[in-house]
C-alpha atoms as a PDB file:
ATOM      1  CA  MET A   1       0.000   0.000   0.000  1.00  0.00           C
ATOM      2  CA  ARG A   2       1.311   3.440  -0.961  1.00  0.00           C
ATOM      3  CA  PRO A   3       1.850   5.880   1.941  1.00  0.00           C
ATOM      4  CA  PRO A   4      -0.588   8.800   1.985  1.00  0.00           C
ATOM      5  CA  LEU A   5       0.559  11.913   0.165  1.00  0.00           C
ATOM      6  CA  LYS A   6       1.634  14.714   2.442  1.00  0.00           C
ATOM      7  CA  LYS A   7      -0.391  17.825   1.756  1.00  0.00           C
ATOM      8  CA  ILE A   8       1.702  20.950   1.545  1.00  0.00           C
ATOM      9  CA  ASP A   9       0.251  24.415   1.687  1.00  0.00           C
ATOM     10  CA  PHE A  10       1.948  27.352   0.056  1.00  0.00           C
ATOM     11  CA  PHE A  11       1.527  30.936   1.160  1.00  0.00           C
ATOM     12  CA  GLN A  12       1.675  34.333  -0.516  1.00  0.00           C
ATOM     13  CA  GLY A  13       5.299  35.174  -1.328  1.00  0.00           C
ATOM     14  CA  ASP A  14       6.572  31.566  -1.205  1.00  0.00           C
ATOM     15  CA  THR A  15       9.000  30.652  -3.974  1.00  0.00           C
ATOM     16  CA  VAL A  16       7.989  27.452  -5.774  1.00  0.00           C
ATOM     17  CA  GLU A  17       8.656  25.538  -8.965  1.00  0.00           C
ATOM     18  CA  VAL A  18       5.839  24.867 -11.427  1.00  0.00           C
ATOM     19  CA  CYS A  19       5.883  21.679 -13.511  1.00  0.00           C
ATOM     20  CA  SER A  20       4.974  22.416 -17.121  1.00  0.00           C
ATOM     21  CA  LYS A  21       2.274  20.314 -18.767  1.00  0.00           C
ATOM     22  CA  GLU A  22       2.670  22.061 -22.144  1.00  0.00           C
ATOM     23  CA  PRO A  23       3.670  19.930 -25.156  1.00  0.00           C
ATOM     24  CA  GLY A  24       7.402  20.292 -25.767  1.00  0.00           C
ATOM     25  CA  PHE A  25       7.963  21.504 -22.202  1.00  0.00           C
ATOM     26  CA  LEU A  26       6.566  18.486 -20.339  1.00  0.00           C
ATOM     27  CA  GLY A  27       8.476  17.771 -17.138  1.00  0.00           C
ATOM     28  CA  SER A  28      10.391  21.051 -17.049  1.00  0.00           C
ATOM     29  CA  TYR A  29      10.180  23.272 -13.950  1.00  0.00           C
ATOM     30  CA  TYR A  30       9.881  27.047 -13.752  1.00  0.00           C
ATOM     31  CA  GLU A  31      10.493  29.222 -10.707  1.00  0.00           C
ATOM     32  CA  ALA A  32       7.562  31.338  -9.528  1.00  0.00           C
ATOM     33  CA  ASN A  33       6.202  33.133  -6.480  1.00  0.00           C
ATOM     34  CA  ILE A  34       2.820  32.435  -4.937  1.00  0.00           C
ATOM     35  CA  VAL A  35       0.551  35.449  -5.442  1.00  0.00           C
ATOM     36  CA  SER A  36      -2.497  33.956  -3.707  1.00  0.00           C
ATOM     37  CA  ARG A  37      -4.475  30.823  -2.968  1.00  0.00           C
ATOM     38  CA  LEU A  38      -8.001  30.816  -4.348  1.00  0.00           C
ATOM     39  CA  ASP A  39     -11.075  29.540  -2.506  1.00  0.00           C
ATOM     40  CA  ASN A  40     -11.191  26.507  -4.843  1.00  0.00           C
ATOM     41  CA  GLY A  41      -7.678  25.428  -3.730  1.00  0.00           C
ATOM     42  CA  LEU A  42      -5.872  26.583  -6.882  1.00  0.00           C
ATOM     43  CA  TYR A  43      -2.880  28.920  -6.675  1.00  0.00           C
ATOM     44  CA  VAL A  44      -2.091  32.088  -8.604  1.00  0.00           C
ATOM     45  CA  VAL A  45       1.631  32.266  -9.393  1.00  0.00           C
ATOM     46  CA  CYS A  46       3.878  34.887 -10.965  1.00  0.00           C
ATOM     47  CA  TYR A  47       6.848  33.437 -12.851  1.00  0.00           C
ATOM     48  CA  LYS A  48      10.375  34.676 -12.266  1.00  0.00           C
ATOM     49  CA  ASN A  49      11.650  34.130 -15.837  1.00  0.00           C
ATOM     50  CA  LEU A  50       8.558  33.749 -18.053  1.00  0.00           C
ATOM     51  CA  LEU A  51       6.790  36.741 -19.600  1.00  0.00           C
ATOM     52  CA  GLU A  52       3.275  37.416 -20.884  1.00  0.00           C
ATOM     53  CA  ASP A  53       2.875  36.966 -24.671  1.00  0.00           C
ATOM     54  CA  ASP A  54       3.370  40.712 -25.239  1.00  0.00           C
ATOM     55  CA  GLU A  55       6.501  40.577 -23.005  1.00  0.00           C
ATOM     56  CA  SER A  56       5.206  43.563 -20.993  1.00  0.00           C
ATOM     57  CA  LYS A  57       5.320  41.863 -17.581  1.00  0.00           C
ATOM     58  CA  PRO A  58       5.980  38.542 -15.835  1.00  0.00           C
ATOM     59  CA  LEU A  59       3.551  35.752 -16.694  1.00  0.00           C
ATOM     60  CA  THR A  60       0.837  35.076 -14.104  1.00  0.00           C
ATOM     61  CA  GLU A  61      -1.139  31.804 -14.161  1.00  0.00           C
ATOM     62  CA  THR A  62      -3.595  29.829 -12.067  1.00  0.00           C
ATOM     63  CA  ILE A  63      -2.104  26.434 -11.167  1.00  0.00           C
ATOM     64  CA  TYR A  64      -3.321  23.177  -9.599  1.00  0.00           C
ATOM     65  CA  PRO A  65      -1.512  22.281  -6.337  1.00  0.00           C
ATOM     66  CA  LYS A  66      -0.205  18.999  -7.842  1.00  0.00           C
ATOM     67  CA  GLU A  67       1.814  21.062 -10.360  1.00  0.00           C
ATOM     68  CA  LEU A  68       3.694  22.891  -7.579  1.00  0.00           C
ATOM     69  CA  ARG A  69       6.648  21.932  -5.457  1.00  0.00           C
ATOM     70  CA  PRO A  70       9.018  23.862  -3.198  1.00  0.00           C
ATOM     71  CA  VAL A  71      12.371  24.904  -4.635  1.00  0.00           C
ATOM     72  CA  PRO A  72      14.794  21.985  -4.124  1.00  0.00           C
ATOM     73  CA  PRO A  73      17.575  22.392  -1.571  1.00  0.00           C
ATOM     74  CA  LYS A  74      20.823  23.785  -2.945  1.00  0.00           C
ATOM     75  CA  ILE A  75      23.679  21.315  -2.849  1.00  0.00           C
ATOM     76  CA  HIS A  76      27.100  22.515  -3.905  1.00  0.00           C
ATOM     77  CA  ALA A  77      28.530  19.887  -6.235  1.00  0.00           C
ATOM     78  CA  THR A  78      32.188  20.092  -7.205  1.00  0.00           C
ATOM     79  CA  GLN A  79      31.707  17.704 -10.115  1.00  0.00           C
ATOM     80  CA  PHE A  80      29.139  15.543 -11.866  1.00  0.00           C
ATOM     81  CA  LEU A  81      29.730  11.979 -13.006  1.00  0.00           C
ATOM     82  CA  PRO A  82      28.705  10.120 -16.178  1.00  0.00           C
ATOM     83  CA  CYS A  83      25.153   8.706 -15.965  1.00  0.00           C
ATOM     84  CA  GLU A  84      24.315  11.072 -13.089  1.00  0.00           C
ATOM     85  CA  LYS A  85      20.788  12.472 -13.237  1.00  0.00           C
ATOM     86  CA  ILE A  86      20.870  16.284 -13.045  1.00  0.00           C
ATOM     87  CA  ASP A  87      18.791  19.373 -13.794  1.00  0.00           C
ATOM     88  CA  ALA A  88      20.053  21.783 -16.463  1.00  0.00           C
ATOM     89  CA  PHE A  89      18.842  25.386 -16.708  1.00  0.00           C
ATOM     90  CA  ASP A  90      17.751  26.179 -20.274  1.00  0.00           C
ATOM     91  CA  ASN A  91      14.931  28.177 -21.886  1.00  0.00           C
ATOM     92  CA  ASP A  92      14.092  29.828 -18.538  1.00  0.00           C
ATOM     93  CA  GLY A  93      13.472  26.534 -16.722  1.00  0.00           C
ATOM     94  CA  TRP A  94      15.035  23.397 -15.239  1.00  0.00           C
ATOM     95  CA  TRP A  95      15.110  20.240 -17.368  1.00  0.00           C
ATOM     96  CA  VAL A  96      15.982  16.712 -16.170  1.00  0.00           C
ATOM     97  CA  GLY A  97      18.889  15.145 -18.027  1.00  0.00           C
ATOM     98  CA  GLU A  98      21.819  12.771 -17.681  1.00  0.00           C
ATOM     99  CA  ILE A  99      25.528  13.609 -17.695  1.00  0.00           C
ATOM    100  CA  THR A 100      27.244  11.961 -20.663  1.00  0.00           C
ATOM    101  CA  GLY A 101      30.654  13.634 -20.591  1.00  0.00           C
ATOM    102  CA  ARG A 102      32.776  16.623 -19.686  1.00  0.00           C
ATOM    103  CA  ASN A 103      35.052  19.082 -21.467  1.00  0.00           C
ATOM    104  CA  GLY A 104      36.690  21.521 -19.043  1.00  0.00           C
ATOM    105  CA  SER A 105      33.986  23.506 -17.257  1.00  0.00           C
ATOM    106  CA  HIS A 106      31.239  22.212 -19.572  1.00  0.00           C
ATOM    107  CA  TYR A 107      29.217  19.050 -19.149  1.00  0.00           C
ATOM    108  CA  TYR A 108      27.378  17.202 -21.880  1.00  0.00           C
ATOM    109  CA  VAL A 109      23.797  16.442 -20.916  1.00  0.00           C
ATOM    110  CA  TYR A 110      21.468  13.996 -22.660  1.00  0.00           C
ATOM    111  CA  PHE A 111      17.705  14.595 -22.564  1.00  0.00           C
ATOM    112  CA  THR A 112      15.556  11.531 -23.204  1.00  0.00           C
ATOM    113  CA  SER A 113      12.478  13.710 -23.799  1.00  0.00           C
ATOM    114  CA  SER A 114      14.028  15.328 -26.889  1.00  0.00           C
ATOM    115  CA  ASN A 115      16.785  12.810 -27.717  1.00  0.00           C
ATOM    116  CA  GLU A 116      19.325  15.673 -27.617  1.00  0.00           C
ATOM    117  CA  GLU A 117      22.774  16.078 -26.119  1.00  0.00           C
ATOM    118  CA  ILE A 118      23.712  19.653 -25.181  1.00  0.00           C
ATOM    119  CA  ALA A 119      26.800  21.128 -23.491  1.00  0.00           C
ATOM    120  CA  TYR A 120      26.230  23.321 -20.404  1.00  0.00           C
ATOM    121  CA  HIS A 121      28.572  25.319 -18.236  1.00  0.00           C
ATOM    122  CA  TYR A 122      28.670  23.748 -14.767  1.00  0.00           C
ATOM    123  CA  SER A 123      26.968  26.864 -13.329  1.00  0.00           C
ATOM    124  CA  LYS A 124      23.790  25.912 -15.262  1.00  0.00           C
ATOM    125  CA  ILE A 125      23.580  22.424 -13.709  1.00  0.00           C
ATOM    126  CA  ARG A 126      22.229  21.396 -10.312  1.00  0.00           C
ATOM    127  CA  VAL A 127      21.909  18.170  -8.357  1.00  0.00           C
ATOM    128  CA  HIS A 128      18.629  16.439  -9.251  1.00  0.00           C
ATOM    129  CA  HIS A 129      16.043  15.821  -6.532  1.00  0.00           C
ATOM    130  CA  GLU A 130      12.675  14.081  -6.715  1.00  0.00           C
ATOM    131  CA  TRP A 131       9.722  15.488  -4.744  1.00  0.00           C
ATOM    132  CA  VAL A 132       8.249  12.278  -3.269  1.00  0.00           C
ATOM    133  CA  ASN A 133       5.373  12.243  -0.769  1.00  0.00           C
ATOM    134  CA  GLY A 134       6.162  15.763   0.379  1.00  0.00           C
ATOM    135  CA  GLU A 135       9.915  15.235   0.848  1.00  0.00           C
ATOM    136  CA  TRP A 136      13.036  15.782  -1.244  1.00  0.00           C
ATOM    137  CA  VAL A 137      14.866  12.611  -2.276  1.00  0.00           C
ATOM    138  CA  LEU A 138      18.257  12.604  -4.010  1.00  0.00           C
ATOM    139  CA  SER A 139      18.244  10.824  -7.355  1.00  0.00           C
ATOM    140  CA  ASN A 140      21.836  10.327  -8.488  1.00  0.00           C
ATOM    141  CA  LYS A 141      21.596   7.763 -11.275  1.00  0.00           C
ATOM    142  CA  SER A 142      19.327   7.566 -14.302  1.00  0.00           C
END
């Protein structure tokens, strides 16, 4: 039997990550701040890096709670190893990938979702965590 899911409430001003459900962006995460919680349980968020279509201001959306998670803890990694599961920052969000190699300060990352390998400076890579039953769990290998 699966343990019950821990319910987490977010409050105005909390920084969160929003999981995209859009085609082509599925599984990527975008940093946002909680603007408010609506009476129906949905949250209004304002994105840190995404803009409205007319690019006049930050994008604001109404989001289901299951699409939100806290920002993962920061872990300072001095290096990443081949086959290690990581998050790479690209196109204003975090994408899950796998380390395939290294060249100086750049790591090659493979993305199964797009079947692409892209080089990233180490400053654009973070340790991957899974949000499981309301807790952060390290996920080192693909």
